[in-house]
Amino acid sequence: QPLQNFTVCLRSYTDLTRPHSLFSYATKAQDN
């Protein structure tokens, strides 16, 4: 069912300084 609440957790390890995506959840109606 559609989400009224959520929590997303993760660990990352990177030396990037440019923009980057960690977690991406898209629907057909809304990419972000």
PDB file of all heavy atoms in Angstrom:
ATOM      1  N   GLN A   1       0.839  -1.197   0.000  1.00  0.00           N
ATOM      2  CA  GLN A   1       0.000   0.000   0.000  1.00  0.00           C
ATOM      3  C   GLN A   1       0.874   1.248   0.000  1.00  0.00           C
ATOM      4  O   GLN A   1       2.029   1.182   0.380  1.00  0.00           O
ATOM      5  CB  GLN A   1      -0.930  -0.002   1.213  1.00  0.00           C
ATOM      6  CG  GLN A   1      -0.201  -0.066   2.520  1.00  0.00           C
ATOM      7  CD  GLN A   1      -1.067  -0.744   3.584  1.00  0.00           C
ATOM      8  OE1 GLN A   1      -1.884  -1.591   3.277  1.00  0.00           O
ATOM      9  NE2 GLN A   1      -0.862  -0.376   4.828  1.00  0.00           N
ATOM     10  N   PRO A   2       0.300   2.370  -0.453  1.00  0.00           N
ATOM     11  CA  PRO A   2       1.058   3.623  -0.465  1.00  0.00           C
ATOM     12  C   PRO A   2       1.575   3.973   0.931  1.00  0.00           C
ATOM     13  O   PRO A   2       0.986   3.573   1.937  1.00  0.00           O
ATOM     14  CB  PRO A   2       0.028   4.652  -0.944  1.00  0.00           C
ATOM     15  CG  PRO A   2      -0.973   3.853  -1.719  1.00  0.00           C
ATOM     16  CD  PRO A   2      -1.046   2.527  -1.019  1.00  0.00           C
ATOM     17  N   LEU A   3       2.679   4.699   0.983  1.00  0.00           N
ATOM     18  CA  LEU A   3       3.352   4.987   2.254  1.00  0.00           C
ATOM     19  C   LEU A   3       2.916   6.341   2.811  1.00  0.00           C
ATOM     20  O   LEU A   3       3.045   7.367   2.148  1.00  0.00           O
ATOM     21  CB  LEU A   3       4.873   5.007   2.053  1.00  0.00           C
ATOM     22  CG  LEU A   3       5.527   3.728   1.516  1.00  0.00           C
ATOM     23  CD1 LEU A   3       7.013   3.956   1.288  1.00  0.00           C
ATOM     24  CD2 LEU A   3       5.318   2.572   2.470  1.00  0.00           C
ATOM     25  N   GLN A   4       2.404   6.322   4.042  1.00  0.00           N
ATOM     26  CA  GLN A   4       2.103   7.557   4.776  1.00  0.00           C
ATOM     27  C   GLN A   4       3.296   7.945   5.645  1.00  0.00           C
ATOM     28  O   GLN A   4       3.376   9.076   6.129  1.00  0.00           O
ATOM     29  CB  GLN A   4       0.887   7.357   5.690  1.00  0.00           C
ATOM     30  CG  GLN A   4      -0.374   6.928   4.970  1.00  0.00           C
ATOM     31  CD  GLN A   4      -1.040   8.058   4.219  1.00  0.00           C
ATOM     32  OE1 GLN A   4      -0.703   9.225   4.414  1.00  0.00           O
ATOM     33  NE2 GLN A   4      -1.964   7.723   3.340  1.00  0.00           N
ATOM     34  N   ASN A   5       4.172   6.973   5.888  1.00  0.00           N
ATOM     35  CA  ASN A   5       5.374   7.189   6.707  1.00  0.00           C
ATOM     36  C   ASN A   5       6.463   6.303   6.147  1.00  0.00           C
ATOM     37  O   ASN A   5       6.171   5.258   5.564  1.00  0.00           O
ATOM     38  CB  ASN A   5       5.163   6.731   8.162  1.00  0.00           C
ATOM     39  CG  ASN A   5       3.915   7.297   8.778  1.00  0.00           C
ATOM     40  OD1 ASN A   5       3.881   8.439   9.190  1.00  0.00           O
ATOM     41  ND2 ASN A   5       2.868   6.483   8.833  1.00  0.00           N
ATOM     42  N   PHE A   6       7.704   6.689   6.325  1.00  0.00           N
ATOM     43  CA  PHE A   6       8.796   5.778   5.993  1.00  0.00           C
ATOM     44  C   PHE A   6      10.048   6.181   6.765  1.00  0.00           C
ATOM     45  O   PHE A   6      10.181   7.312   7.253  1.00  0.00           O
ATOM     46  CB  PHE A   6       9.094   5.760   4.483  1.00  0.00           C
ATOM     47  CG  PHE A   6       9.678   7.036   3.940  1.00  0.00           C
ATOM     48  CD1 PHE A   6      11.033   7.334   4.092  1.00  0.00           C
ATOM     49  CD2 PHE A   6       8.883   7.946   3.265  1.00  0.00           C
ATOM     50  CE1 PHE A   6      11.567   8.516   3.596  1.00  0.00           C
ATOM     51  CE2 PHE A   6       9.405   9.138   2.773  1.00  0.00           C
ATOM     52  CZ  PHE A   6      10.753   9.417   2.937  1.00  0.00           C
ATOM     53  N   THR A   7      10.962   5.217   6.871  1.00  0.00           N
ATOM     54  CA  THR A   7      12.336   5.487   7.312  1.00  0.00           C
ATOM     55  C   THR A   7      13.256   4.743   6.364  1.00  0.00           C
ATOM     56  O   THR A   7      13.014   3.566   6.070  1.00  0.00           O
ATOM     57  CB  THR A   7      12.592   4.972   8.746  1.00  0.00           C
ATOM     58  OG1 THR A   7      11.617   5.522   9.636  1.00  0.00           O
ATOM     59  CG2 THR A   7      13.984   5.370   9.227  1.00  0.00           C
ATOM     60  N   VAL A   8      14.273   5.426   5.864  1.00  0.00           N
ATOM     61  CA  VAL A   8      15.303   4.767   5.058  1.00  0.00           C
ATOM     62  C   VAL A   8      16.643   4.983   5.756  1.00  0.00           C
ATOM     63  O   VAL A   8      16.928   6.085   6.227  1.00  0.00           O
ATOM     64  CB  VAL A   8      15.310   5.288   3.597  1.00  0.00           C
ATOM     65  CG1 VAL A   8      15.566   6.776   3.510  1.00  0.00           C
ATOM     66  CG2 VAL A   8      16.340   4.542   2.752  1.00  0.00           C
ATOM     67  N   CYS A   9      17.430   3.895   5.885  1.00  0.00           N
ATOM     68  CA  CYS A   9      18.755   3.980   6.500  1.00  0.00           C
ATOM     69  C   CYS A   9      19.772   3.288   5.593  1.00  0.00           C
ATOM     70  O   CYS A   9      19.447   2.292   4.946  1.00  0.00           O
ATOM     71  CB  CYS A   9      18.797   3.274   7.856  1.00  0.00           C
ATOM     72  SG  CYS A   9      17.762   4.008   9.131  1.00  0.00           S
ATOM     73  N   LEU A  10      20.987   3.819   5.579  1.00  0.00           N
ATOM     74  CA  LEU A  10      22.079   3.139   4.874  1.00  0.00           C
ATOM     75  C   LEU A  10      23.419   3.691   5.348  1.00  0.00           C
ATOM     76  O   LEU A  10      23.484   4.736   5.984  1.00  0.00           O
ATOM     77  CB  LEU A  10      21.942   3.297   3.356  1.00  0.00           C
ATOM     78  CG  LEU A  10      21.864   4.695   2.753  1.00  0.00           C
ATOM     79  CD1 LEU A  10      23.227   5.355   2.650  1.00  0.00           C
ATOM     80  CD2 LEU A  10      21.261   4.618   1.352  1.00  0.00           C
ATOM     81  N   ARG A  11      24.460   2.937   5.014  1.00  0.00           N
ATOM     82  CA  ARG A  11      25.838   3.359   5.284  1.00  0.00           C
ATOM     83  C   ARG A  11      26.558   3.554   3.964  1.00  0.00           C
ATOM     84  O   ARG A  11      26.428   2.717   3.068  1.00  0.00           O
ATOM     85  CB  ARG A  11      26.567   2.237   6.025  1.00  0.00           C
ATOM     86  CG  ARG A  11      26.810   2.465   7.469  1.00  0.00           C
ATOM     87  CD  ARG A  11      27.483   1.261   8.108  1.00  0.00           C
ATOM     88  NE  ARG A  11      26.594   0.634   9.054  1.00  0.00           N
ATOM     89  CZ  ARG A  11      26.399   1.066  10.292  1.00  0.00           C
ATOM     90  NH1 ARG A  11      27.059   2.111  10.745  1.00  0.00           N
ATOM     91  NH2 ARG A  11      25.550   0.461  11.083  1.00  0.00           N
ATOM     92  N   SER A  12      27.326   4.644   3.859  1.00  0.00           N
ATOM     93  CA  SER A  12      28.098   4.865   2.633  1.00  0.00           C
ATOM     94  C   SER A  12      29.539   5.219   2.979  1.00  0.00           C
ATOM     95  O   SER A  12      29.822   5.762   4.056  1.00  0.00           O
ATOM     96  CB  SER A  12      27.475   5.973   1.789  1.00  0.00           C
ATOM     97  OG  SER A  12      27.613   7.215   2.436  1.00  0.00           O
ATOM     98  N   TYR A  13      30.418   4.908   2.031  1.00  0.00           N
ATOM     99  CA  TYR A  13      31.853   5.127   2.217  1.00  0.00           C
ATOM    100  C   TYR A  13      32.387   5.551   0.861  1.00  0.00           C
ATOM    101  O   TYR A  13      32.407   4.755  -0.085  1.00  0.00           O
ATOM    102  CB  TYR A  13      32.489   3.817   2.671  1.00  0.00           C
ATOM    103  CG  TYR A  13      33.919   3.907   3.146  1.00  0.00           C
ATOM    104  CD1 TYR A  13      34.411   5.022   3.798  1.00  0.00           C
ATOM    105  CD2 TYR A  13      34.781   2.827   2.956  1.00  0.00           C
ATOM    106  CE1 TYR A  13      35.717   5.069   4.251  1.00  0.00           C
ATOM    107  CE2 TYR A  13      36.086   2.861   3.403  1.00  0.00           C
ATOM    108  CZ  TYR A  13      36.553   3.983   4.055  1.00  0.00           C
ATOM    109  OH  TYR A  13      37.852   4.021   4.504  1.00  0.00           O
ATOM    110  N   THR A  14      32.736   6.823   0.734  1.00  0.00           N
ATOM    111  CA  THR A  14      33.135   7.337  -0.576  1.00  0.00           C
ATOM    112  C   THR A  14      34.043   8.538  -0.394  1.00  0.00           C
ATOM    113  O   THR A  14      34.011   9.201   0.649  1.00  0.00           O
ATOM    114  CB  THR A  14      31.887   7.751  -1.402  1.00  0.00           C
ATOM    115  OG1 THR A  14      32.318   8.249  -2.675  1.00  0.00           O
ATOM    116  CG2 THR A  14      31.065   8.825  -0.714  1.00  0.00           C
ATOM    117  N   ASP A  15      34.853   8.815  -1.414  1.00  0.00           N
ATOM    118  CA  ASP A  15      35.637  10.063  -1.403  1.00  0.00           C
ATOM    119  C   ASP A  15      35.117  11.044  -2.452  1.00  0.00           C
ATOM    120  O   ASP A  15      35.781  12.009  -2.800  1.00  0.00           O
ATOM    121  CB  ASP A  15      37.137   9.778  -1.601  1.00  0.00           C
ATOM    122  CG  ASP A  15      37.421   9.017  -2.885  1.00  0.00           C
ATOM    123  OD1 ASP A  15      36.490   8.837  -3.694  1.00  0.00           O
ATOM    124  OD2 ASP A  15      38.578   8.599  -3.081  1.00  0.00           O
ATOM    125  N   LEU A  16      33.893  10.811  -2.939  1.00  0.00           N
ATOM    126  CA  LEU A  16      33.294  11.723  -3.931  1.00  0.00           C
ATOM    127  C   LEU A  16      33.063  13.098  -3.315  1.00  0.00           C
ATOM    128  O   LEU A  16      32.628  13.205  -2.169  1.00  0.00           O
ATOM    129  CB  LEU A  16      31.939  11.192  -4.400  1.00  0.00           C
ATOM    130  CG  LEU A  16      31.920   9.968  -5.315  1.00  0.00           C
ATOM    131  CD1 LEU A  16      30.475   9.577  -5.604  1.00  0.00           C
ATOM    132  CD2 LEU A  16      32.666  10.242  -6.608  1.00  0.00           C
ATOM    133  N   THR A  17      33.321  14.140  -4.093  1.00  0.00           N
ATOM    134  CA  THR A  17      32.949  15.498  -3.675  1.00  0.00           C
ATOM    135  C   THR A  17      31.852  16.065  -4.586  1.00  0.00           C
ATOM    136  O   THR A  17      31.245  17.075  -4.261  1.00  0.00           O
ATOM    137  CB  THR A  17      34.157  16.445  -3.704  1.00  0.00           C
ATOM    138  OG1 THR A  17      34.758  16.388  -5.005  1.00  0.00           O
ATOM    139  CG2 THR A  17      35.195  16.045  -2.661  1.00  0.00           C
ATOM    140  N   ARG A  18      31.606  15.398  -5.722  1.00  0.00           N
ATOM    141  CA  ARG A  18      30.538  15.855  -6.625  1.00  0.00           C
ATOM    142  C   ARG A  18      29.189  15.301  -6.131  1.00  0.00           C
ATOM    143  O   ARG A  18      29.147  14.433  -5.262  1.00  0.00           O
ATOM    144  CB  ARG A  18      30.835  15.401  -8.055  1.00  0.00           C
ATOM    145  CG  ARG A  18      30.870  13.905  -8.222  1.00  0.00           C
ATOM    146  CD  ARG A  18      30.807  13.489  -9.682  1.00  0.00           C
ATOM    147  NE  ARG A  18      30.989  12.046  -9.825  1.00  0.00           N
ATOM    148  CZ  ARG A  18      30.064  11.138  -9.528  1.00  0.00           C
ATOM    149  NH1 ARG A  18      28.892  11.494  -9.032  1.00  0.00           N
ATOM    150  NH2 ARG A  18      30.310   9.854  -9.707  1.00  0.00           N
ATOM    151  N   PRO A  19      28.076  15.833  -6.691  1.00  0.00           N
ATOM    152  CA  PRO A  19      26.759  15.336  -6.282  1.00  0.00           C
ATOM    153  C   PRO A  19      26.609  13.840  -6.560  1.00  0.00           C
ATOM    154  O   PRO A  19      27.101  13.347  -7.582  1.00  0.00           O
ATOM    155  CB  PRO A  19      25.782  16.135  -7.165  1.00  0.00           C
ATOM    156  CG  PRO A  19      26.534  17.336  -7.610  1.00  0.00           C
ATOM    157  CD  PRO A  19      27.972  16.922  -7.684  1.00  0.00           C
ATOM    158  N   HIS A  20      25.940  13.128  -5.644  1.00  0.00           N
ATOM    159  CA  HIS A  20      25.668  11.711  -5.904  1.00  0.00           C
ATOM    160  C   HIS A  20      24.411  11.255  -5.169  1.00  0.00           C
ATOM    161  O   HIS A  20      24.056  11.774  -4.127  1.00  0.00           O
ATOM    162  CB  HIS A  20      26.860  10.812  -5.552  1.00  0.00           C
ATOM    163  CG  HIS A  20      27.360  10.953  -4.148  1.00  0.00           C
ATOM    164  ND1 HIS A  20      28.228  11.941  -3.763  1.00  0.00           N
ATOM    165  CD2 HIS A  20      27.120  10.224  -3.031  1.00  0.00           C
ATOM    166  CE1 HIS A  20      28.505  11.821  -2.468  1.00  0.00           C
ATOM    167  NE2 HIS A  20      27.836  10.785  -1.997  1.00  0.00           N
ATOM    168  N   SER A  21      23.774  10.258  -5.792  1.00  0.00           N
ATOM    169  CA  SER A  21      22.534   9.686  -5.266  1.00  0.00           C
ATOM    170  C   SER A  21      22.857   8.484  -4.395  1.00  0.00           C
ATOM    171  O   SER A  21      23.702   7.664  -4.745  1.00  0.00           O
ATOM    172  CB  SER A  21      21.656   9.241  -6.436  1.00  0.00           C
ATOM    173  OG  SER A  21      20.545   8.516  -5.964  1.00  0.00           O
ATOM    174  N   LEU A  22      22.177   8.363  -3.252  1.00  0.00           N
ATOM    175  CA  LEU A  22      22.368   7.215  -2.365  1.00  0.00           C
ATOM    176  C   LEU A  22      21.214   6.226  -2.468  1.00  0.00           C
ATOM    177  O   LEU A  22      21.422   5.029  -2.512  1.00  0.00           O
ATOM    178  CB  LEU A  22      22.518   7.711  -0.923  1.00  0.00           C
ATOM    179  CG  LEU A  22      23.818   8.491  -0.688  1.00  0.00           C
ATOM    180  CD1 LEU A  22      23.728   9.307   0.583  1.00  0.00           C
ATOM    181  CD2 LEU A  22      25.015   7.556  -0.642  1.00  0.00           C
ATOM    182  N   PHE A  23      19.992   6.755  -2.509  1.00  0.00           N
ATOM    183  CA  PHE A  23      18.805   5.901  -2.543  1.00  0.00           C
ATOM    184  C   PHE A  23      17.755   6.598  -3.394  1.00  0.00           C
ATOM    185  O   PHE A  23      17.425   7.750  -3.141  1.00  0.00           O
ATOM    186  CB  PHE A  23      18.278   5.687  -1.121  1.00  0.00           C
ATOM    187  CG  PHE A  23      17.007   4.891  -1.036  1.00  0.00           C
ATOM    188  CD1 PHE A  23      17.048   3.506  -0.976  1.00  0.00           C
ATOM    189  CD2 PHE A  23      15.759   5.526  -0.998  1.00  0.00           C
ATOM    190  CE1 PHE A  23      15.865   2.760  -0.897  1.00  0.00           C
ATOM    191  CE2 PHE A  23      14.585   4.792  -0.916  1.00  0.00           C
ATOM    192  CZ  PHE A  23      14.643   3.398  -0.861  1.00  0.00           C
ATOM    193  N   SER A  24      17.250   5.898  -4.417  1.00  0.00           N
ATOM    194  CA  SER A  24      16.297   6.504  -5.349  1.00  0.00           C
ATOM    195  C   SER A  24      15.067   5.608  -5.493  1.00  0.00           C
ATOM    196  O   SER A  24      15.187   4.442  -5.878  1.00  0.00           O
ATOM    197  CB  SER A  24      16.977   6.698  -6.707  1.00  0.00           C
ATOM    198  OG  SER A  24      16.050   7.103  -7.687  1.00  0.00           O
ATOM    199  N   TYR A  25      13.900   6.172  -5.149  1.00  0.00           N
ATOM    200  CA  TYR A  25      12.624   5.450  -5.194  1.00  0.00           C
ATOM    201  C   TYR A  25      11.708   6.270  -6.093  1.00  0.00           C
ATOM    202  O   TYR A  25      11.340   7.397  -5.743  1.00  0.00           O
ATOM    203  CB  TYR A  25      12.106   5.371  -3.763  1.00  0.00           C
ATOM    204  CG  TYR A  25      10.723   4.762  -3.531  1.00  0.00           C
ATOM    205  CD1 TYR A  25      10.604   3.620  -2.726  1.00  0.00           C
ATOM    206  CD2 TYR A  25       9.552   5.343  -4.015  1.00  0.00           C
ATOM    207  CE1 TYR A  25       9.346   3.080  -2.446  1.00  0.00           C
ATOM    208  CE2 TYR A  25       8.307   4.803  -3.741  1.00  0.00           C
ATOM    209  CZ  TYR A  25       8.209   3.675  -2.955  1.00  0.00           C
ATOM    210  OH  TYR A  25       6.970   3.134  -2.666  1.00  0.00           O
ATOM    211  N   ALA A  26      11.414   5.719  -7.287  1.00  0.00           N
ATOM    212  CA  ALA A  26      10.618   6.461  -8.269  1.00  0.00           C
ATOM    213  C   ALA A  26       9.328   5.724  -8.576  1.00  0.00           C
ATOM    214  O   ALA A  26       9.281   4.489  -8.561  1.00  0.00           O
ATOM    215  CB  ALA A  26      11.420   6.634  -9.558  1.00  0.00           C
ATOM    216  N   THR A  27       8.282   6.504  -8.852  1.00  0.00           N
ATOM    217  CA  THR A  27       7.054   5.939  -9.399  1.00  0.00           C
ATOM    218  C   THR A  27       6.856   6.526 -10.789  1.00  0.00           C
ATOM    219  O   THR A  27       7.571   7.459 -11.183  1.00  0.00           O
ATOM    220  CB  THR A  27       5.837   6.281  -8.524  1.00  0.00           C
ATOM    221  OG1 THR A  27       5.742   7.712  -8.423  1.00  0.00           O
ATOM    222  CG2 THR A  27       5.975   5.688  -7.126  1.00  0.00           C
ATOM    223  N   LYS A  28       5.892   5.992 -11.521  1.00  0.00           N
ATOM    224  CA  LYS A  28       5.660   6.526 -12.882  1.00  0.00           C
ATOM    225  C   LYS A  28       5.205   7.985 -12.809  1.00  0.00           C
ATOM    226  O   LYS A  28       5.484   8.777 -13.699  1.00  0.00           O
ATOM    227  CB  LYS A  28       4.637   5.662 -13.614  1.00  0.00           C
ATOM    228  CG  LYS A  28       5.209   4.286 -13.944  1.00  0.00           C
ATOM    229  CD  LYS A  28       4.359   3.523 -14.950  1.00  0.00           C
ATOM    230  CE  LYS A  28       5.094   2.289 -15.463  1.00  0.00           C
ATOM    231  NZ  LYS A  28       4.857   1.084 -14.661  1.00  0.00           N
ATOM    232  N   ALA A  29       4.532   8.353 -11.729  1.00  0.00           N
ATOM    233  CA  ALA A  29       4.029   9.731 -11.590  1.00  0.00           C
ATOM    234  C   ALA A  29       5.121  10.693 -11.110  1.00  0.00           C
ATOM    235  O   ALA A  29       5.061  11.888 -11.394  1.00  0.00           O
ATOM    236  CB  ALA A  29       2.853   9.755 -10.618  1.00  0.00           C
ATOM    237  N   GLN A  30       6.114  10.184 -10.351  1.00  0.00           N
ATOM    238  CA  GLN A  30       7.071  11.087  -9.694  1.00  0.00           C
ATOM    239  C   GLN A  30       8.448  10.408  -9.595  1.00  0.00           C
ATOM    240  O   GLN A  30       8.592   9.399  -8.907  1.00  0.00           O
ATOM    241  CB  GLN A  30       6.536  11.438  -8.283  1.00  0.00           C
ATOM    242  CG  GLN A  30       7.452  12.260  -7.423  1.00  0.00           C
ATOM    243  CD  GLN A  30       7.956  13.520  -8.097  1.00  0.00           C
ATOM    244  OE1 GLN A  30       9.100  13.593  -8.536  1.00  0.00           O
ATOM    245  NE2 GLN A  30       7.097  14.512  -8.180  1.00  0.00           N
ATOM    246  N   ASP A  31       9.451  10.980 -10.301  1.00  0.00           N
ATOM    247  CA  ASP A  31      10.766  10.318 -10.315  1.00  0.00           C
ATOM    248  C   ASP A  31      11.516  10.472  -8.987  1.00  0.00           C
ATOM    249  O   ASP A  31      12.310   9.607  -8.623  1.00  0.00           O
ATOM    250  CB  ASP A  31      11.628  10.788 -11.497  1.00  0.00           C
ATOM    251  CG  ASP A  31      11.826  12.296 -11.530  1.00  0.00           C
ATOM    252  OD1 ASP A  31      11.130  13.009 -10.792  1.00  0.00           O
ATOM    253  OD2 ASP A  31      12.675  12.768 -12.304  1.00  0.00           O
ATOM    254  N   ASN A  32      11.258  11.566  -8.258  1.00  0.00           N
ATOM    255  CA  ASN A  32      11.883  11.723  -6.936  1.00  0.00           C
ATOM    256  C   ASN A  32      10.856  11.521  -5.824  1.00  0.00           C
ATOM    257  O   ASN A  32      10.669  12.366  -4.963  1.00  0.00           O
ATOM    258  CB  ASN A  32      12.554  13.100  -6.806  1.00  0.00           C
ATOM    259  CG  ASN A  32      13.726  13.246  -7.759  1.00  0.00           C
ATOM    260  OD1 ASN A  32      14.328  12.261  -8.173  1.00  0.00           O
ATOM    261  ND2 ASN A  32      14.044  14.474  -8.124  1.00  0.00           N
TER     262      ASN A  32
END
